[in-house]
Amino acid sequence: MNVDEILKLPSMPAASPSYPMGPYRFINREYMIITYETCKDALRHAVPEPLEPNPDGHVLYEWIKMPDSSGFGDYTESGVVIPCLYKGEPINFTAQMYLDDEPPISGGREVWGFPKKYAHPKLEVVADTLTGTLEYAGQMVAMGTMAFKHRESEGGIEAMAKAMTKTQCNLKLIPDVDGTPKIAQLVAYNLTNITIKGSWVGDARLHLIPHVNAPVADLPVKRIVGGKHFLGDITLPHGRVLHDYLK
């Protein structure tokens, strides 16, 4: 390979790149998001400066089923998102993510700094219940349930599409060859080309089990606020640096 060929590669390994060049299109991406209140001290510990945790102490626990994802395939994801403020702007910080497919793990970490680890999440409808589970290393660490399509969300699909444009960010950490930090950034991105096909709200429950390598329960559930369930098509573009810790 010459230099031009090397620099045109989208990802490693060179012989068989893990993922293509973006942006990435997701069709029929299905979400269940359970909002709950947690301990504010634990929340502050989980959120990196200069972000400020939301004053209500709210956490979003998510399951996302992605059956048609360009470059990544068919996979499911589960994790913790924390509403925050960055210089007064509302922003969502992704704190933990667990999924069952190698390409989006590699791409998510290397491009945007998503905190992805390999695990076994599942989102399915069981009889009358939308059900999410997460297993890590053979152990159940999260289970969420929501009444299936009981009420359409306020404002319908238009309001949900607008909500999905909110800025989101990740803490991207990549070491240099000597182990010192090479990249230490907050990386922001905004979803585009959003088409919501259905959006519902309803009663929900969430059970989190302590696990050292999947510590979702470190943000304990104090009170359930409610559940959201929606389905749509989105595009994930490349990101931008929001804050550089090395400068």
C-alpha atoms as a PDB file:
ATOM      1  CA  MET A   1       0.000   0.000   0.000  1.00  0.00           C
ATOM      2  CA  ASN A   2       1.188   3.513  -0.748  1.00  0.00           C
ATOM      3  CA  VAL A   3       0.476   6.566   1.421  1.00  0.00           C
ATOM      4  CA  ASP A   4      -2.602   7.628  -0.546  1.00  0.00           C
ATOM      5  CA  GLU A   5      -4.115   4.153  -0.235  1.00  0.00           C
ATOM      6  CA  ILE A   6      -3.427   4.088   3.505  1.00  0.00           C
ATOM      7  CA  LEU A   7      -5.027   7.487   4.107  1.00  0.00           C
ATOM      8  CA  LYS A   8      -8.161   6.521   2.179  1.00  0.00           C
ATOM      9  CA  LEU A   9      -8.885   3.532   4.423  1.00  0.00           C
ATOM     10  CA  PRO A  10     -12.008   4.137   6.556  1.00  0.00           C
ATOM     11  CA  SER A  11     -10.877   2.025   9.515  1.00  0.00           C
ATOM     12  CA  MET A  12      -8.701  -0.842  10.746  1.00  0.00           C
ATOM     13  CA  PRO A  13      -7.742  -3.523   9.897  1.00  0.00           C
ATOM     14  CA  ALA A  14      -6.481  -2.503   6.471  1.00  0.00           C
ATOM     15  CA  ALA A  15      -7.210  -5.929   4.975  1.00  0.00           C
ATOM     16  CA  SER A  16     -10.846  -5.814   6.078  1.00  0.00           C
ATOM     17  CA  PRO A  17     -12.013  -2.473   7.546  1.00  0.00           C
ATOM     18  CA  SER A  18     -14.356  -2.795  10.527  1.00  0.00           C
ATOM     19  CA  TYR A  19     -16.689  -0.084   9.218  1.00  0.00           C
ATOM     20  CA  PRO A  20     -17.025   2.133   6.105  1.00  0.00           C
ATOM     21  CA  MET A  21     -16.827   5.893   5.875  1.00  0.00           C
ATOM     22  CA  GLY A  22     -19.913   7.667   7.202  1.00  0.00           C
ATOM     23  CA  PRO A  23     -22.404   9.224   7.554  1.00  0.00           C
ATOM     24  CA  TYR A  24     -24.504   6.252   8.674  1.00  0.00           C
ATOM     25  CA  ARG A  25     -28.204   5.694   7.998  1.00  0.00           C
ATOM     26  CA  PHE A  26     -30.488   3.791  10.377  1.00  0.00           C
ATOM     27  CA  ILE A  27     -33.872   2.482   9.217  1.00  0.00           C
ATOM     28  CA  ASN A  28     -36.640   1.484  11.655  1.00  0.00           C
ATOM     29  CA  ARG A  29     -34.534   2.310  14.687  1.00  0.00           C
ATOM     30  CA  GLU A  30     -36.680   1.507  17.732  1.00  0.00           C
ATOM     31  CA  TYR A  31     -36.223   3.086  21.168  1.00  0.00           C
ATOM     32  CA  MET A  32     -37.480   2.437  24.672  1.00  0.00           C
ATOM     33  CA  ILE A  33     -36.315   5.165  27.052  1.00  0.00           C
ATOM     34  CA  ILE A  34     -37.145   5.055  30.755  1.00  0.00           C
ATOM     35  CA  THR A  35     -36.589   8.331  32.591  1.00  0.00           C
ATOM     36  CA  TYR A  36     -35.890   8.096  36.312  1.00  0.00           C
ATOM     37  CA  GLU A  37     -34.609  10.164  39.207  1.00  0.00           C
ATOM     38  CA  THR A  38     -31.320   9.217  40.855  1.00  0.00           C
ATOM     39  CA  CYS A  39     -28.911  10.381  43.569  1.00  0.00           C
ATOM     40  CA  LYS A  40     -27.519  13.805  42.627  1.00  0.00           C
ATOM     41  CA  ASP A  41     -24.085  13.093  44.137  1.00  0.00           C
ATOM     42  CA  ALA A  42     -23.752   9.934  42.030  1.00  0.00           C
ATOM     43  CA  LEU A  43     -24.868  11.885  38.985  1.00  0.00           C
ATOM     44  CA  ARG A  44     -22.240  14.594  39.539  1.00  0.00           C
ATOM     45  CA  HIS A  45     -19.551  11.901  39.791  1.00  0.00           C
ATOM     46  CA  ALA A  46     -20.668  10.352  36.466  1.00  0.00           C
ATOM     47  CA  VAL A  47     -20.680  13.622  34.505  1.00  0.00           C
ATOM     48  CA  PRO A  48     -17.335  15.068  33.294  1.00  0.00           C
ATOM     49  CA  GLU A  49     -16.569  18.754  33.631  1.00  0.00           C
ATOM     50  CA  PRO A  50     -17.355  21.208  32.116  1.00  0.00           C
ATOM     51  CA  LEU A  51     -20.806  19.590  31.762  1.00  0.00           C
ATOM     52  CA  GLU A  52     -23.315  20.246  34.537  1.00  0.00           C
ATOM     53  CA  PRO A  53     -25.850  17.525  35.432  1.00  0.00           C
ATOM     54  CA  ASN A  54     -29.514  18.427  35.129  1.00  0.00           C
ATOM     55  CA  PRO A  55     -30.833  19.890  38.419  1.00  0.00           C
ATOM     56  CA  ASP A  56     -33.702  17.374  38.590  1.00  0.00           C
ATOM     57  CA  GLY A  57     -31.322  14.424  38.932  1.00  0.00           C
ATOM     58  CA  HIS A  58     -32.842  12.673  35.915  1.00  0.00           C
ATOM     59  CA  VAL A  59     -31.287   9.783  33.990  1.00  0.00           C
ATOM     60  CA  LEU A  60     -32.415   8.250  30.704  1.00  0.00           C
ATOM     61  CA  TYR A  61     -32.003   4.478  30.548  1.00  0.00           C
ATOM     62  CA  GLU A  62     -32.235   3.346  26.919  1.00  0.00           C
ATOM     63  CA  TRP A  63     -32.742   0.277  24.791  1.00  0.00           C
ATOM     64  CA  ILE A  64     -32.336   0.746  21.024  1.00  0.00           C
ATOM     65  CA  LYS A  65     -32.996  -1.913  18.393  1.00  0.00           C
ATOM     66  CA  MET A  66     -31.273  -1.215  15.054  1.00  0.00           C
ATOM     67  CA  PRO A  67     -32.277  -3.814  12.441  1.00  0.00           C
ATOM     68  CA  ASP A  68     -30.991  -1.916   9.380  1.00  0.00           C
ATOM     69  CA  SER A  69     -27.844   0.145   9.985  1.00  0.00           C
ATOM     70  CA  SER A  70     -25.626   1.075   7.049  1.00  0.00           C
ATOM     71  CA  GLY A  71     -22.118  -0.271   7.574  1.00  0.00           C
ATOM     72  CA  PHE A  72     -22.991  -1.790  10.953  1.00  0.00           C
ATOM     73  CA  GLY A  73     -25.719  -4.344  10.256  1.00  0.00           C
ATOM     74  CA  ASP A  74     -28.370  -5.531  12.722  1.00  0.00           C
ATOM     75  CA  TYR A  75     -27.785  -4.996  16.440  1.00  0.00           C
ATOM     76  CA  THR A  76     -29.268  -3.863  19.756  1.00  0.00           C
ATOM     77  CA  GLU A  77     -27.895  -1.424  22.298  1.00  0.00           C
ATOM     78  CA  SER A  78     -28.592  -0.487  25.900  1.00  0.00           C
ATOM     79  CA  GLY A  79     -27.165   2.161  28.182  1.00  0.00           C
ATOM     80  CA  VAL A  80     -27.214   5.296  30.284  1.00  0.00           C
ATOM     81  CA  VAL A  81     -27.721   8.857  28.995  1.00  0.00           C
ATOM     82  CA  ILE A  82     -27.645  11.883  31.301  1.00  0.00           C
ATOM     83  CA  PRO A  83     -29.302  15.224  30.444  1.00  0.00           C
ATOM     84  CA  CYS A  84     -26.782  18.006  31.125  1.00  0.00           C
ATOM     85  CA  LEU A  85     -25.999  21.641  30.466  1.00  0.00           C
ATOM     86  CA  TYR A  86     -22.976  22.883  28.501  1.00  0.00           C
ATOM     87  CA  LYS A  87     -22.538  26.640  28.826  1.00  0.00           C
ATOM     88  CA  GLY A  88     -26.273  26.864  29.431  1.00  0.00           C
ATOM     89  CA  GLU A  89     -27.246  24.704  26.432  1.00  0.00           C
ATOM     90  CA  PRO A  90     -29.268  21.526  27.125  1.00  0.00           C
ATOM     91  CA  ILE A  91     -27.238  18.536  25.955  1.00  0.00           C
ATOM     92  CA  ASN A  92     -27.353  14.756  26.438  1.00  0.00           C
ATOM     93  CA  PHE A  93     -24.205  13.013  27.701  1.00  0.00           C
ATOM     94  CA  THR A  94     -23.840   9.302  26.930  1.00  0.00           C
ATOM     95  CA  ALA A  95     -22.305   7.705  30.021  1.00  0.00           C
ATOM     96  CA  GLN A  96     -22.478   3.936  29.304  1.00  0.00           C
ATOM     97  CA  MET A  97     -23.402   1.794  26.285  1.00  0.00           C
ATOM     98  CA  TYR A  98     -23.592  -1.971  25.802  1.00  0.00           C
ATOM     99  CA  LEU A  99     -24.177  -3.738  22.489  1.00  0.00           C
ATOM    100  CA  ASP A 100     -23.823  -7.026  20.613  1.00  0.00           C
ATOM    101  CA  ASP A 101     -22.006  -6.175  17.363  1.00  0.00           C
ATOM    102  CA  GLU A 102     -18.310  -5.475  16.723  1.00  0.00           C
ATOM    103  CA  PRO A 103     -18.389  -2.845  13.908  1.00  0.00           C
ATOM    104  CA  PRO A 104     -20.473  -0.252  15.835  1.00  0.00           C
ATOM    105  CA  ILE A 105     -18.357  -0.889  18.944  1.00  0.00           C
ATOM    106  CA  SER A 106     -15.165  -0.089  17.012  1.00  0.00           C
ATOM    107  CA  GLY A 107     -16.672   2.745  14.991  1.00  0.00           C
ATOM    108  CA  GLY A 108     -18.525   4.261  17.906  1.00  0.00           C
ATOM    109  CA  ARG A 109     -15.435   4.401  20.090  1.00  0.00           C
ATOM    110  CA  GLU A 110     -12.959   5.474  17.395  1.00  0.00           C
ATOM    111  CA  VAL A 111     -15.021   8.152  15.626  1.00  0.00           C
ATOM    112  CA  TRP A 112     -17.323   9.716  18.261  1.00  0.00           C
ATOM    113  CA  GLY A 113     -16.009   8.327  21.544  1.00  0.00           C
ATOM    114  CA  PHE A 114     -19.157   6.377  22.395  1.00  0.00           C
ATOM    115  CA  PRO A 115     -18.508   4.409  25.637  1.00  0.00           C
ATOM    116  CA  LYS A 116     -19.357   1.053  24.049  1.00  0.00           C
ATOM    117  CA  LYS A 117     -18.702  -2.415  25.487  1.00  0.00           C
ATOM    118  CA  TYR A 118     -19.743  -5.864  24.276  1.00  0.00           C
ATOM    119  CA  ALA A 119     -22.779  -7.350  26.005  1.00  0.00           C
ATOM    120  CA  HIS A 120     -26.171  -8.908  25.238  1.00  0.00           C
ATOM    121  CA  PRO A 121     -29.049  -6.415  25.207  1.00  0.00           C
ATOM    122  CA  LYS A 122     -32.517  -7.287  23.912  1.00  0.00           C
ATOM    123  CA  LEU A 123     -35.633  -5.252  23.142  1.00  0.00           C
ATOM    124  CA  GLU A 124     -38.819  -7.117  22.295  1.00  0.00           C
ATOM    125  CA  VAL A 125     -42.591  -7.120  22.724  1.00  0.00           C
ATOM    126  CA  VAL A 126     -43.659  -9.917  25.057  1.00  0.00           C
ATOM    127  CA  ALA A 127     -47.469 -10.253  25.001  1.00  0.00           C
ATOM    128  CA  ASP A 128     -48.693  -6.808  26.122  1.00  0.00           C
ATOM    129  CA  THR A 129     -45.311  -5.532  27.395  1.00  0.00           C
ATOM    130  CA  LEU A 130     -42.390  -3.793  25.724  1.00  0.00           C
ATOM    131  CA  THR A 131     -39.449  -5.468  27.429  1.00  0.00           C
ATOM    132  CA  GLY A 132     -35.752  -4.599  27.532  1.00  0.00           C
ATOM    133  CA  THR A 133     -33.037  -6.726  29.114  1.00  0.00           C
ATOM    134  CA  LEU A 134     -29.252  -6.452  29.377  1.00  0.00           C
ATOM    135  CA  GLU A 135     -26.910  -9.318  30.204  1.00  0.00           C
ATOM    136  CA  TYR A 136     -23.195  -8.806  30.781  1.00  0.00           C
ATOM    137  CA  ALA A 137     -20.786 -11.727  31.256  1.00  0.00           C
ATOM    138  CA  GLY A 138     -23.694 -14.097  31.724  1.00  0.00           C
ATOM    139  CA  GLN A 139     -25.462 -12.006  34.360  1.00  0.00           C
ATOM    140  CA  MET A 140     -28.587  -9.864  34.120  1.00  0.00           C
ATOM    141  CA  VAL A 141     -27.744  -6.244  34.938  1.00  0.00           C
ATOM    142  CA  ALA A 142     -30.847  -4.368  33.719  1.00  0.00           C
ATOM    143  CA  MET A 143     -34.491  -5.032  32.962  1.00  0.00           C
ATOM    144  CA  GLY A 144     -37.022  -2.440  31.825  1.00  0.00           C
ATOM    145  CA  THR A 145     -40.701  -2.811  31.016  1.00  0.00           C
ATOM    146  CA  MET A 146     -43.269  -0.466  29.543  1.00  0.00           C
ATOM    147  CA  ALA A 147     -46.959  -0.736  28.722  1.00  0.00           C
ATOM    148  CA  PHE A 148     -47.136  -1.322  24.957  1.00  0.00           C
ATOM    149  CA  LYS A 149     -48.505   1.619  22.918  1.00  0.00           C
ATOM    150  CA  HIS A 150     -51.016   2.777  25.536  1.00  0.00           C
ATOM    151  CA  ARG A 151     -50.835   6.499  24.677  1.00  0.00           C
ATOM    152  CA  GLU A 152     -49.433   8.524  21.804  1.00  0.00           C
ATOM    153  CA  SER A 153     -46.838  11.021  22.975  1.00  0.00           C
ATOM    154  CA  GLU A 154     -47.792  14.649  23.415  1.00  0.00           C
ATOM    155  CA  GLY A 155     -47.186  16.559  20.200  1.00  0.00           C
ATOM    156  CA  GLY A 156     -46.973  13.307  18.239  1.00  0.00           C
ATOM    157  CA  ILE A 157     -44.259  12.431  15.783  1.00  0.00           C
ATOM    158  CA  GLU A 158     -43.432  16.072  14.997  1.00  0.00           C
ATOM    159  CA  ALA A 159     -42.504  16.841  18.608  1.00  0.00           C
ATOM    160  CA  MET A 160     -40.422  13.670  18.893  1.00  0.00           C
ATOM    161  CA  ALA A 161     -38.569  14.455  15.665  1.00  0.00           C
ATOM    162  CA  LYS A 162     -37.698  17.904  17.002  1.00  0.00           C
ATOM    163  CA  ALA A 163     -36.546  16.435  20.344  1.00  0.00           C
ATOM    164  CA  MET A 164     -34.200  14.077  18.482  1.00  0.00           C
ATOM    165  CA  THR A 165     -32.229  17.033  17.072  1.00  0.00           C
ATOM    166  CA  LYS A 166     -30.897  17.882  20.559  1.00  0.00           C
ATOM    167  CA  THR A 167     -27.100  17.989  20.780  1.00  0.00           C
ATOM    168  CA  GLN A 168     -25.548  14.839  22.222  1.00  0.00           C
ATOM    169  CA  CYS A 169     -22.003  14.264  23.394  1.00  0.00           C
ATOM    170  CA  ASN A 170     -19.489  11.650  24.504  1.00  0.00           C
ATOM    171  CA  LEU A 171     -16.208  11.596  26.395  1.00  0.00           C
ATOM    172  CA  LYS A 172     -13.613  10.363  23.890  1.00  0.00           C
ATOM    173  CA  LEU A 173     -10.402   8.978  25.434  1.00  0.00           C
ATOM    174  CA  ILE A 174      -7.668   7.404  23.285  1.00  0.00           C
ATOM    175  CA  PRO A 175      -4.122   6.811  24.601  1.00  0.00           C
ATOM    176  CA  ASP A 176      -0.885   7.341  22.701  1.00  0.00           C
ATOM    177  CA  VAL A 177       1.559   4.475  22.115  1.00  0.00           C
ATOM    178  CA  ASP A 178       3.303   5.209  25.430  1.00  0.00           C
ATOM    179  CA  GLY A 179       0.037   5.115  27.350  1.00  0.00           C
ATOM    180  CA  THR A 180      -0.262   8.878  27.857  1.00  0.00           C
ATOM    181  CA  PRO A 181      -3.447  10.629  26.661  1.00  0.00           C
ATOM    182  CA  LYS A 182      -3.440  11.298  22.910  1.00  0.00           C
ATOM    183  CA  ILE A 183      -7.100  12.314  22.599  1.00  0.00           C
ATOM    184  CA  ALA A 184      -9.202  13.568  25.517  1.00  0.00           C
ATOM    185  CA  GLN A 185     -12.274  15.360  24.182  1.00  0.00           C
ATOM    186  CA  LEU A 186     -15.953  15.952  24.563  1.00  0.00           C
ATOM    187  CA  VAL A 187     -17.312  15.098  21.114  1.00  0.00           C
ATOM    188  CA  ALA A 188     -20.688  16.488  20.062  1.00  0.00           C
ATOM    189  CA  TYR A 189     -23.028  15.451  17.267  1.00  0.00           C
ATOM    190  CA  ASN A 190     -26.584  16.076  16.080  1.00  0.00           C
ATOM    191  CA  LEU A 191     -28.739  13.488  14.346  1.00  0.00           C
ATOM    192  CA  THR A 192     -30.082  14.512  10.919  1.00  0.00           C
ATOM    193  CA  ASN A 193     -32.656  13.408   8.309  1.00  0.00           C
ATOM    194  CA  ILE A 194     -35.031  12.345  11.069  1.00  0.00           C
ATOM    195  CA  THR A 195     -38.343  10.660  10.225  1.00  0.00           C
ATOM    196  CA  ILE A 196     -40.390   9.460  13.209  1.00  0.00           C
ATOM    197  CA  LYS A 197     -42.950   6.781  12.317  1.00  0.00           C
ATOM    198  CA  GLY A 198     -44.645   6.395  15.704  1.00  0.00           C
ATOM    199  CA  SER A 199     -44.220   7.698  19.252  1.00  0.00           C
ATOM    200  CA  TRP A 200     -45.843   6.570  22.489  1.00  0.00           C
ATOM    201  CA  VAL A 201     -45.571   7.166  26.245  1.00  0.00           C
ATOM    202  CA  GLY A 202     -46.700   5.104  29.190  1.00  0.00           C
ATOM    203  CA  ASP A 203     -46.027   3.619  32.591  1.00  0.00           C
ATOM    204  CA  ALA A 204     -42.641   1.952  32.959  1.00  0.00           C
ATOM    205  CA  ARG A 205     -40.466   0.129  35.463  1.00  0.00           C
ATOM    206  CA  LEU A 206     -36.687  -0.325  35.657  1.00  0.00           C
ATOM    207  CA  HIS A 207     -34.583  -2.772  37.674  1.00  0.00           C
ATOM    208  CA  LEU A 208     -30.781  -2.328  37.807  1.00  0.00           C
ATOM    209  CA  ILE A 209     -28.437  -4.936  39.309  1.00  0.00           C
ATOM    210  CA  PRO A 210     -24.914  -4.054  40.516  1.00  0.00           C
ATOM    211  CA  HIS A 211     -22.097  -5.402  38.331  1.00  0.00           C
ATOM    212  CA  VAL A 212     -18.456  -4.317  38.446  1.00  0.00           C
ATOM    213  CA  ASN A 213     -17.971  -4.317  34.656  1.00  0.00           C
ATOM    214  CA  ALA A 214     -21.413  -2.981  33.707  1.00  0.00           C
ATOM    215  CA  PRO A 215     -22.066  -0.478  36.512  1.00  0.00           C
ATOM    216  CA  VAL A 216     -25.453   0.841  35.365  1.00  0.00           C
ATOM    217  CA  ALA A 217     -26.722   0.421  38.935  1.00  0.00           C
ATOM    218  CA  ASP A 218     -24.197   3.009  40.181  1.00  0.00           C
ATOM    219  CA  LEU A 219     -26.944   5.504  39.311  1.00  0.00           C
ATOM    220  CA  PRO A 220     -29.667   3.962  41.478  1.00  0.00           C
ATOM    221  CA  VAL A 221     -33.359   4.273  40.703  1.00  0.00           C
ATOM    222  CA  LYS A 222     -35.128   6.518  43.223  1.00  0.00           C
ATOM    223  CA  ARG A 223     -38.311   7.268  41.254  1.00  0.00           C
ATOM    224  CA  ILE A 224     -39.595   6.401  37.793  1.00  0.00           C
ATOM    225  CA  VAL A 225     -40.679   9.442  35.786  1.00  0.00           C
ATOM    226  CA  GLY A 226     -42.073   7.551  32.769  1.00  0.00           C
ATOM    227  CA  GLY A 227     -41.368   5.673  29.569  1.00  0.00           C
ATOM    228  CA  LYS A 228     -41.108   6.589  25.878  1.00  0.00           C
ATOM    229  CA  HIS A 229     -41.297   4.257  22.893  1.00  0.00           C
ATOM    230  CA  PHE A 230     -40.698   5.449  19.353  1.00  0.00           C
ATOM    231  CA  LEU A 231     -39.645   4.237  15.930  1.00  0.00           C
ATOM    232  CA  GLY A 232     -37.953   6.086  13.101  1.00  0.00           C
ATOM    233  CA  ASP A 233     -35.236   6.576  10.510  1.00  0.00           C
ATOM    234  CA  ILE A 234     -32.198   8.746  11.277  1.00  0.00           C
ATOM    235  CA  THR A 235     -28.752   9.633   9.985  1.00  0.00           C
ATOM    236  CA  LEU A 236     -25.712   9.724  12.279  1.00  0.00           C
ATOM    237  CA  PRO A 237     -23.165  12.199  10.823  1.00  0.00           C
ATOM    238  CA  HIS A 238     -19.588  12.678  11.913  1.00  0.00           C
ATOM    239  CA  GLY A 239     -19.019  14.697  15.084  1.00  0.00           C
ATOM    240  CA  ARG A 240     -17.200  17.810  16.205  1.00  0.00           C
ATOM    241  CA  VAL A 241     -14.969  18.651  19.183  1.00  0.00           C
ATOM    242  CA  LEU A 242     -16.937  20.416  21.887  1.00  0.00           C
ATOM    243  CA  HIS A 243     -14.133  20.572  24.475  1.00  0.00           C
ATOM    244  CA  ASP A 244     -10.468  19.518  24.314  1.00  0.00           C
ATOM    245  CA  TYR A 245      -8.976  18.556  27.695  1.00  0.00           C
ATOM    246  CA  LEU A 246      -5.409  18.643  26.332  1.00  0.00           C
ATOM    247  CA  LYS A 247      -5.523  22.309  25.286  1.00  0.00           C
END
